[in-house]
PDB file of N, CA and C in Angstrom:
ATOM      1  N   UNK A   1      -7.155   9.395   0.484  1.00  0.00           N
ATOM      2  CA  UNK A   1      -6.346   8.609  -0.380  1.00  0.00           C
ATOM      3  C   UNK A   1      -6.360   9.022  -1.835  1.00  0.00           C
ATOM      4  N   UNK A   2      -7.618   9.346  -2.276  1.00  0.00           N
ATOM      5  CA  UNK A   2      -7.801   9.694  -3.656  1.00  0.00           C
ATOM      6  C   UNK A   2      -7.059  10.871  -3.955  1.00  0.00           C
ATOM      7  N   UNK A   3      -7.003  11.918  -3.024  1.00  0.00           N
ATOM      8  CA  UNK A   3      -6.264  13.080  -3.268  1.00  0.00           C
ATOM      9  C   UNK A   3      -4.827  12.978  -3.249  1.00  0.00           C
ATOM     10  N   UNK A   4      -4.307  12.023  -2.463  1.00  0.00           N
ATOM     11  CA  UNK A   4      -2.826  11.682  -2.527  1.00  0.00           C
ATOM     12  C   UNK A   4      -2.538  11.059  -3.874  1.00  0.00           C
ATOM     13  N   UNK A   5      -3.285  10.153  -4.292  1.00  0.00           N
ATOM     14  CA  UNK A   5      -3.002   9.570  -5.629  1.00  0.00           C
ATOM     15  C   UNK A   5      -3.055  10.468  -6.779  1.00  0.00           C
ATOM     16  N   UNK A   6      -4.015  11.447  -6.608  1.00  0.00           N
ATOM     17  CA  UNK A   6      -4.138  12.426  -7.628  1.00  0.00           C
ATOM     18  C   UNK A   6      -2.920  13.358  -7.769  1.00  0.00           C
ATOM     19  N   UNK A   7      -2.407  13.755  -6.606  1.00  0.00           N
ATOM     20  CA  UNK A   7      -1.289  14.605  -6.557  1.00  0.00           C
ATOM     21  C   UNK A   7       0.003  13.963  -6.960  1.00  0.00           C
ATOM     22  N   UNK A   8       0.175  12.612  -6.644  1.00  0.00           N
ATOM     23  CA  UNK A   8       1.312  11.908  -6.877  1.00  0.00           C
ATOM     24  C   UNK A   8       1.292  11.664  -8.481  1.00  0.00           C
ATOM     25  N   UNK A   9       0.171  11.442  -9.158  1.00  0.00           N
ATOM     26  CA  UNK A   9       0.115  11.115 -10.497  1.00  0.00           C
ATOM     27  C   UNK A   9       0.141  12.326 -11.447  1.00  0.00           C
ATOM     28  N   UNK A  10       0.356  13.592 -10.872  1.00  0.00           N
ATOM     29  CA  UNK A  10       0.356  14.753 -11.675  1.00  0.00           C
ATOM     30  C   UNK A  10       1.520  14.694 -12.444  1.00  0.00           C
ATOM     31  N   UNK A  11       1.348  15.163 -13.799  1.00  0.00           N
ATOM     32  CA  UNK A  11       2.534  15.221 -14.691  1.00  0.00           C
ATOM     33  C   UNK A  11       3.615  16.122 -14.337  1.00  0.00           C
ATOM     34  N   UNK A  12       4.848  15.675 -14.525  1.00  0.00           N
ATOM     35  CA  UNK A  12       6.036  16.519 -14.185  1.00  0.00           C
ATOM     36  C   UNK A  12       6.220  17.554 -15.316  1.00  0.00           C
ATOM     37  N   UNK A  13       6.779  18.618 -14.919  1.00  0.00           N
ATOM     38  CA  UNK A  13       7.077  19.782 -15.852  1.00  0.00           C
ATOM     39  C   UNK A  13       8.265  19.372 -16.772  1.00  0.00           C
ATOM     40  N   UNK A  14       8.284  19.980 -17.871  1.00  0.00           N
ATOM     41  CA  UNK A  14       9.313  19.618 -18.844  1.00  0.00           C
ATOM     42  C   UNK A  14      10.727  19.848 -18.286  1.00  0.00           C
ATOM     43  N   UNK A  15      10.975  20.864 -17.524  1.00  0.00           N
ATOM     44  CA  UNK A  15      12.261  21.059 -16.987  1.00  0.00           C
ATOM     45  C   UNK A  15      12.654  20.170 -15.786  1.00  0.00           C
ATOM     46  N   UNK A  16      11.759  19.222 -15.546  1.00  0.00           N
ATOM     47  CA  UNK A  16      12.004  18.153 -14.492  1.00  0.00           C
ATOM     48  C   UNK A  16      12.427  16.825 -15.198  1.00  0.00           C
ATOM     49  N   UNK A  17      12.435  16.813 -16.463  1.00  0.00           N
ATOM     50  CA  UNK A  17      12.732  15.602 -17.338  1.00  0.00           C
ATOM     51  C   UNK A  17      14.091  15.681 -17.887  1.00  0.00           C
ATOM     52  N   UNK A  18      14.790  14.654 -18.125  1.00  0.00           N
ATOM     53  CA  UNK A  18      15.908  14.493 -18.853  1.00  0.00           C
ATOM     54  C   UNK A  18      15.901  13.439 -19.935  1.00  0.00           C
ATOM     55  N   UNK A  19      16.583  13.494 -20.921  1.00  0.00           N
ATOM     56  CA  UNK A  19      16.512  12.686 -22.125  1.00  0.00           C
ATOM     57  C   UNK A  19      17.834  11.970 -22.368  1.00  0.00           C
ATOM     58  N   UNK A  20      17.807  10.735 -23.046  1.00  0.00           N
ATOM     59  CA  UNK A  20      19.070  10.238 -23.481  1.00  0.00           C
ATOM     60  C   UNK A  20      18.650   9.312 -24.473  1.00  0.00           C
ATOM     61  N   UNK A  21      19.564   8.887 -25.350  1.00  0.00           N
ATOM     62  CA  UNK A  21      19.324   7.906 -26.401  1.00  0.00           C
ATOM     63  C   UNK A  21      19.623   6.494 -25.891  1.00  0.00           C
ATOM     64  N   UNK A  22      18.572   5.632 -26.188  1.00  0.00           N
ATOM     65  CA  UNK A  22      18.816   4.225 -25.726  1.00  0.00           C
ATOM     66  C   UNK A  22      19.296   3.495 -26.796  1.00  0.00           C
ATOM     67  N   UNK A  23      18.661   2.387 -27.130  1.00  0.00           N
ATOM     68  CA  UNK A  23      19.103   1.405 -28.216  1.00  0.00           C
ATOM     69  C   UNK A  23      19.121   2.220 -29.516  1.00  0.00           C
ATOM     70  N   UNK A  24      20.090   1.813 -30.416  1.00  0.00           N
ATOM     71  CA  UNK A  24      20.236   2.466 -31.760  1.00  0.00           C
ATOM     72  C   UNK A  24      20.368   1.319 -32.856  1.00  0.00           C
ATOM     73  N   UNK A  25      20.055   1.773 -33.968  1.00  0.00           N
ATOM     74  CA  UNK A  25      20.344   0.753 -35.128  1.00  0.00           C
ATOM     75  C   UNK A  25      21.906   0.671 -35.329  1.00  0.00           C
ATOM     76  N   UNK A  26      22.202  -0.354 -36.300  1.00  0.00           N
ATOM     77  CA  UNK A  26      23.624  -0.625 -36.443  1.00  0.00           C
ATOM     78  C   UNK A  26      24.394   0.581 -36.896  1.00  0.00           C
ATOM     79  N   UNK A  27      23.935   1.407 -37.674  1.00  0.00           N
ATOM     80  CA  UNK A  27      24.736   2.661 -38.122  1.00  0.00           C
ATOM     81  C   UNK A  27      24.479   3.815 -37.287  1.00  0.00           C
ATOM     82  N   UNK A  28      23.661   3.683 -36.259  1.00  0.00           N
ATOM     83  CA  UNK A  28      23.470   4.733 -35.272  1.00  0.00           C
ATOM     84  C   UNK A  28      22.801   6.000 -35.924  1.00  0.00           C
ATOM     85  N   UNK A  29      21.923   5.662 -36.981  1.00  0.00           N
ATOM     86  CA  UNK A  29      21.194   6.758 -37.477  1.00  0.00           C
ATOM     87  C   UNK A  29      19.764   6.860 -36.882  1.00  0.00           C
ATOM     88  N   UNK A  30      19.409   5.908 -36.133  1.00  0.00           N
ATOM     89  CA  UNK A  30      18.089   5.920 -35.510  1.00  0.00           C
ATOM     90  C   UNK A  30      18.307   5.488 -34.087  1.00  0.00           C
ATOM     91  N   UNK A  31      17.517   6.068 -33.095  1.00  0.00           N
ATOM     92  CA  UNK A  31      17.725   5.642 -31.754  1.00  0.00           C
ATOM     93  C   UNK A  31      16.463   5.826 -30.963  1.00  0.00           C
ATOM     94  N   UNK A  32      16.377   4.993 -29.896  1.00  0.00           N
ATOM     95  CA  UNK A  32      15.127   5.092 -29.002  1.00  0.00           C
ATOM     96  C   UNK A  32      15.283   6.109 -28.015  1.00  0.00           C
ATOM     97  N   UNK A  33      14.445   7.150 -27.954  1.00  0.00           N
ATOM     98  CA  UNK A  33      14.503   8.260 -27.039  1.00  0.00           C
ATOM     99  C   UNK A  33      14.006   7.766 -25.678  1.00  0.00           C
ATOM    100  N   UNK A  34      14.769   7.934 -24.596  1.00  0.00           N
ATOM    101  CA  UNK A  34      14.350   7.657 -23.234  1.00  0.00           C
ATOM    102  C   UNK A  34      14.207   8.873 -22.452  1.00  0.00           C
ATOM    103  N   UNK A  35      13.078   8.925 -21.605  1.00  0.00           N
ATOM    104  CA  UNK A  35      12.825  10.153 -20.890  1.00  0.00           C
ATOM    105  C   UNK A  35      12.781   9.694 -19.373  1.00  0.00           C
ATOM    106  N   UNK A  36      13.563  10.486 -18.590  1.00  0.00           N
ATOM    107  CA  UNK A  36      13.645  10.221 -17.176  1.00  0.00           C
ATOM    108  C   UNK A  36      13.294  11.385 -16.374  1.00  0.00           C
ATOM    109  N   UNK A  37      12.480  11.201 -15.280  1.00  0.00           N
ATOM    110  CA  UNK A  37      12.213  12.180 -14.315  1.00  0.00           C
ATOM    111  C   UNK A  37      13.360  12.370 -13.401  1.00  0.00           C
ATOM    112  N   UNK A  38      13.761  13.674 -13.239  1.00  0.00           N
ATOM    113  CA  UNK A  38      14.885  13.961 -12.268  1.00  0.00           C
ATOM    114  C   UNK A  38      14.564  13.491 -10.819  1.00  0.00           C
ATOM    115  N   UNK A  39      15.598  12.889 -10.218  1.00  0.00           N
ATOM    116  CA  UNK A  39      15.409  12.365  -8.768  1.00  0.00           C
ATOM    117  C   UNK A  39      14.947  13.530  -7.893  1.00  0.00           C
ATOM    118  N   UNK A  40      15.503  14.705  -8.138  1.00  0.00           N
ATOM    119  CA  UNK A  40      15.113  15.810  -7.198  1.00  0.00           C
ATOM    120  C   UNK A  40      13.656  16.258  -7.381  1.00  0.00           C
ATOM    121  N   UNK A  41      13.174  16.057  -8.624  1.00  0.00           N
ATOM    122  CA  UNK A  41      11.779  16.408  -8.849  1.00  0.00           C
ATOM    123  C   UNK A  41      10.772  15.341  -8.122  1.00  0.00           C
ATOM    124  N   UNK A  42      11.305  14.080  -8.090  1.00  0.00           N
ATOM    125  CA  UNK A  42      10.509  13.036  -7.411  1.00  0.00           C
ATOM    126  C   UNK A  42      10.526  13.231  -5.879  1.00  0.00           C
ATOM    127  N   UNK A  43      11.790  13.642  -5.381  1.00  0.00           N
ATOM    128  CA  UNK A  43      11.832  13.873  -3.975  1.00  0.00           C
ATOM    129  C   UNK A  43      10.963  15.134  -3.496  1.00  0.00           C
ATOM    130  N   UNK A  44      10.952  16.174  -4.416  1.00  0.00           N
ATOM    131  CA  UNK A  44      10.141  17.290  -4.092  1.00  0.00           C
ATOM    132  C   UNK A  44       8.660  16.981  -4.063  1.00  0.00           C
ATOM    133  N   UNK A  45       8.354  16.101  -5.052  1.00  0.00           N
ATOM    134  CA  UNK A  45       6.873  15.787  -5.133  1.00  0.00           C
ATOM    135  C   UNK A  45       6.363  14.998  -3.877  1.00  0.00           C
ATOM    136  N   UNK A  46       7.234  14.048  -3.547  1.00  0.00           N
ATOM    137  CA  UNK A  46       6.906  13.137  -2.284  1.00  0.00           C
ATOM    138  C   UNK A  46       6.932  14.085  -1.021  1.00  0.00           C
ATOM    139  N   UNK A  47       7.846  15.043  -0.989  1.00  0.00           N
ATOM    140  CA  UNK A  47       7.758  15.922   0.180  1.00  0.00           C
ATOM    141  C   UNK A  47       6.554  16.853   0.328  1.00  0.00           C
ATOM    142  N   UNK A  48       6.189  17.302  -0.852  1.00  0.00           N
ATOM    143  CA  UNK A  48       4.977  18.183  -0.927  1.00  0.00           C
ATOM    144  C   UNK A  48       3.720  17.506  -0.629  1.00  0.00           C
ATOM    145  N   UNK A  49       3.560  16.221  -1.117  1.00  0.00           N
ATOM    146  CA  UNK A  49       2.356  15.413  -1.015  1.00  0.00           C
ATOM    147  C   UNK A  49       2.255  14.769   0.305  1.00  0.00           C
ATOM    148  N   UNK A  50       3.319  14.091   0.693  1.00  0.00           N
ATOM    149  CA  UNK A  50       3.411  13.231   1.830  1.00  0.00           C
ATOM    150  C   UNK A  50       4.015  13.959   3.128  1.00  0.00           C
ATOM    151  N   UNK A  51       4.999  14.767   2.885  1.00  0.00           N
ATOM    152  CA  UNK A  51       5.833  15.239   3.988  1.00  0.00           C
ATOM    153  C   UNK A  51       7.144  14.538   3.966  1.00  0.00           C
ATOM    154  N   UNK A  52       8.152  15.190   4.393  1.00  0.00           N
ATOM    155  CA  UNK A  52       9.492  14.723   4.237  1.00  0.00           C
ATOM    156  C   UNK A  52       9.725  13.474   5.115  1.00  0.00           C
ATOM    157  N   UNK A  53       9.002  13.269   6.199  1.00  0.00           N
ATOM    158  CA  UNK A  53       9.193  12.247   7.167  1.00  0.00           C
ATOM    159  C   UNK A  53       8.234  10.942   6.761  1.00  0.00           C
ATOM    160  N   UNK A  54       7.504  11.049   5.608  1.00  0.00           N
ATOM    161  CA  UNK A  54       6.563  10.086   5.348  1.00  0.00           C
ATOM    162  C   UNK A  54       6.888   9.193   4.175  1.00  0.00           C
ATOM    163  N   UNK A  55       8.088   9.306   3.816  1.00  0.00           N
ATOM    164  CA  UNK A  55       8.647   8.422   2.713  1.00  0.00           C
ATOM    165  C   UNK A  55      10.206   8.156   3.019  1.00  0.00           C
ATOM    166  N   UNK A  56      10.662   6.969   2.300  1.00  0.00           N
ATOM    167  CA  UNK A  56      12.026   6.818   2.473  1.00  0.00           C
ATOM    168  C   UNK A  56      12.325   5.807   1.319  1.00  0.00           C
ATOM    169  N   UNK A  57      13.609   5.945   1.025  1.00  0.00           N
ATOM    170  CA  UNK A  57      14.164   5.031  -0.163  1.00  0.00           C
ATOM    171  C   UNK A  57      15.476   4.276   0.318  1.00  0.00           C
ATOM    172  N   UNK A  58      15.521   3.086  -0.079  1.00  0.00           N
ATOM    173  CA  UNK A  58      16.798   2.386   0.243  1.00  0.00           C
ATOM    174  C   UNK A  58      17.190   1.622  -0.921  1.00  0.00           C
ATOM    175  N   UNK A  59      18.475   1.272  -1.066  1.00  0.00           N
ATOM    176  CA  UNK A  59      19.016   0.628  -2.165  1.00  0.00           C
ATOM    177  C   UNK A  59      19.723  -0.681  -1.860  1.00  0.00           C
ATOM    178  N   UNK A  60      19.672  -1.724  -2.724  1.00  0.00           N
ATOM    179  CA  UNK A  60      20.300  -2.846  -2.525  1.00  0.00           C
ATOM    180  C   UNK A  60      21.159  -3.114  -3.812  1.00  0.00           C
ATOM    181  N   UNK A  61      22.398  -3.508  -3.528  1.00  0.00           N
ATOM    182  CA  UNK A  61      23.344  -3.739  -4.755  1.00  0.00           C
ATOM    183  C   UNK A  61      22.982  -5.115  -5.272  1.00  0.00           C
ATOM    184  N   UNK A  62      22.905  -5.263  -6.555  1.00  0.00           N
ATOM    185  CA  UNK A  62      22.737  -6.557  -7.260  1.00  0.00           C
ATOM    186  C   UNK A  62      23.935  -6.647  -8.314  1.00  0.00           C
ATOM    187  N   UNK A  63      23.982  -7.769  -9.003  1.00  0.00           N
ATOM    188  CA  UNK A  63      25.116  -8.003  -9.937  1.00  0.00           C
ATOM    189  C   UNK A  63      25.435  -6.969 -10.808  1.00  0.00           C
ATOM    190  N   UNK A  64      24.532  -6.355 -11.500  1.00  0.00           N
ATOM    191  CA  UNK A  64      24.796  -5.345 -12.569  1.00  0.00           C
ATOM    192  C   UNK A  64      24.228  -3.930 -12.230  1.00  0.00           C
ATOM    193  N   UNK A  65      23.983  -3.663 -10.927  1.00  0.00           N
ATOM    194  CA  UNK A  65      23.490  -2.389 -10.503  1.00  0.00           C
ATOM    195  C   UNK A  65      22.922  -2.325  -9.197  1.00  0.00           C
ATOM    196  N   UNK A  66      21.731  -1.716  -9.072  1.00  0.00           N
ATOM    197  CA  UNK A  66      21.135  -1.508  -7.835  1.00  0.00           C
ATOM    198  C   UNK A  66      19.472  -1.702  -7.931  1.00  0.00           C
ATOM    199  N   UNK A  67      18.882  -2.162  -6.842  1.00  0.00           N
ATOM    200  CA  UNK A  67      17.462  -2.153  -6.854  1.00  0.00           C
ATOM    201  C   UNK A  67      17.036  -1.201  -5.845  1.00  0.00           C
ATOM    202  N   UNK A  68      16.111  -0.252  -6.082  1.00  0.00           N
ATOM    203  CA  UNK A  68      15.665   0.857  -5.248  1.00  0.00           C
ATOM    204  C   UNK A  68      14.380   0.308  -4.576  1.00  0.00           C
ATOM    205  N   UNK A  69      14.210   0.637  -3.324  1.00  0.00           N
ATOM    206  CA  UNK A  69      12.912   0.276  -2.655  1.00  0.00           C
ATOM    207  C   UNK A  69      12.381   1.640  -2.041  1.00  0.00           C
ATOM    208  N   UNK A  70      11.132   1.906  -2.475  1.00  0.00           N
ATOM    209  CA  UNK A  70      10.523   3.193  -2.118  1.00  0.00           C
ATOM    210  C   UNK A  70       9.354   2.807  -1.092  1.00  0.00           C
ATOM    211  N   UNK A  71       9.375   3.389  -0.026  1.00  0.00           N
ATOM    212  CA  UNK A  71       8.363   3.155   0.984  1.00  0.00           C
ATOM    213  C   UNK A  71       7.575   4.488   1.438  1.00  0.00           C
ATOM    214  N   UNK A  72       6.245   4.448   1.543  1.00  0.00           N
ATOM    215  CA  UNK A  72       5.441   5.565   1.855  1.00  0.00           C
ATOM    216  C   UNK A  72       4.707   5.250   3.096  1.00  0.00           C
ATOM    217  N   UNK A  73       4.691   6.316   3.960  1.00  0.00           N
ATOM    218  CA  UNK A  73       3.770   6.070   5.186  1.00  0.00           C
ATOM    219  C   UNK A  73       2.449   6.745   4.933  1.00  0.00           C
ATOM    220  N   UNK A  74       1.403   5.898   4.860  1.00  0.00           N
ATOM    221  CA  UNK A  74       0.049   6.392   4.626  1.00  0.00           C
ATOM    222  C   UNK A  74      -0.846   5.773   5.890  1.00  0.00           C
ATOM    223  N   UNK A  75      -1.499   6.763   6.523  1.00  0.00           N
ATOM    224  CA  UNK A  75      -2.227   6.468   7.580  1.00  0.00           C
ATOM    225  C   UNK A  75      -1.391   5.708   8.708  1.00  0.00           C
ATOM    226  N   UNK A  76      -0.158   6.061   9.011  1.00  0.00           N
ATOM    227  CA  UNK A  76       0.648   5.570   9.959  1.00  0.00           C
ATOM    228  C   UNK A  76       1.125   4.195   9.627  1.00  0.00           C
ATOM    229  N   UNK A  77       1.007   3.703   8.474  1.00  0.00           N
ATOM    230  CA  UNK A  77       1.543   2.478   7.932  1.00  0.00           C
ATOM    231  C   UNK A  77       2.448   2.647   6.928  1.00  0.00           C
ATOM    232  N   UNK A  78       3.668   1.926   6.968  1.00  0.00           N
ATOM    233  CA  UNK A  78       4.516   1.875   5.837  1.00  0.00           C
ATOM    234  C   UNK A  78       4.131   0.990   4.741  1.00  0.00           C
ATOM    235  N   UNK A  79       4.098   1.387   3.566  1.00  0.00           N
ATOM    236  CA  UNK A  79       3.791   0.510   2.392  1.00  0.00           C
ATOM    237  C   UNK A  79       4.739   0.713   1.376  1.00  0.00           C
TER     238      UNK A  79
END
């Protein structure tokens, strides 16, 4: 389990990240930088660490978007 956690927590490479401007001040001269990990990079990490059949994601629509649920199979148990 320690090895799995270590591998999942490894930093992502710069080319696996995306950036966008979040909140800005009134005259738009200052903004909050937001960093996102690319979904494909996360999928690749999960495949490499757990195997493609040992994780799954599902989505539930809510009023202003979606809620994602990620499940991992560890020792034959879904968590």
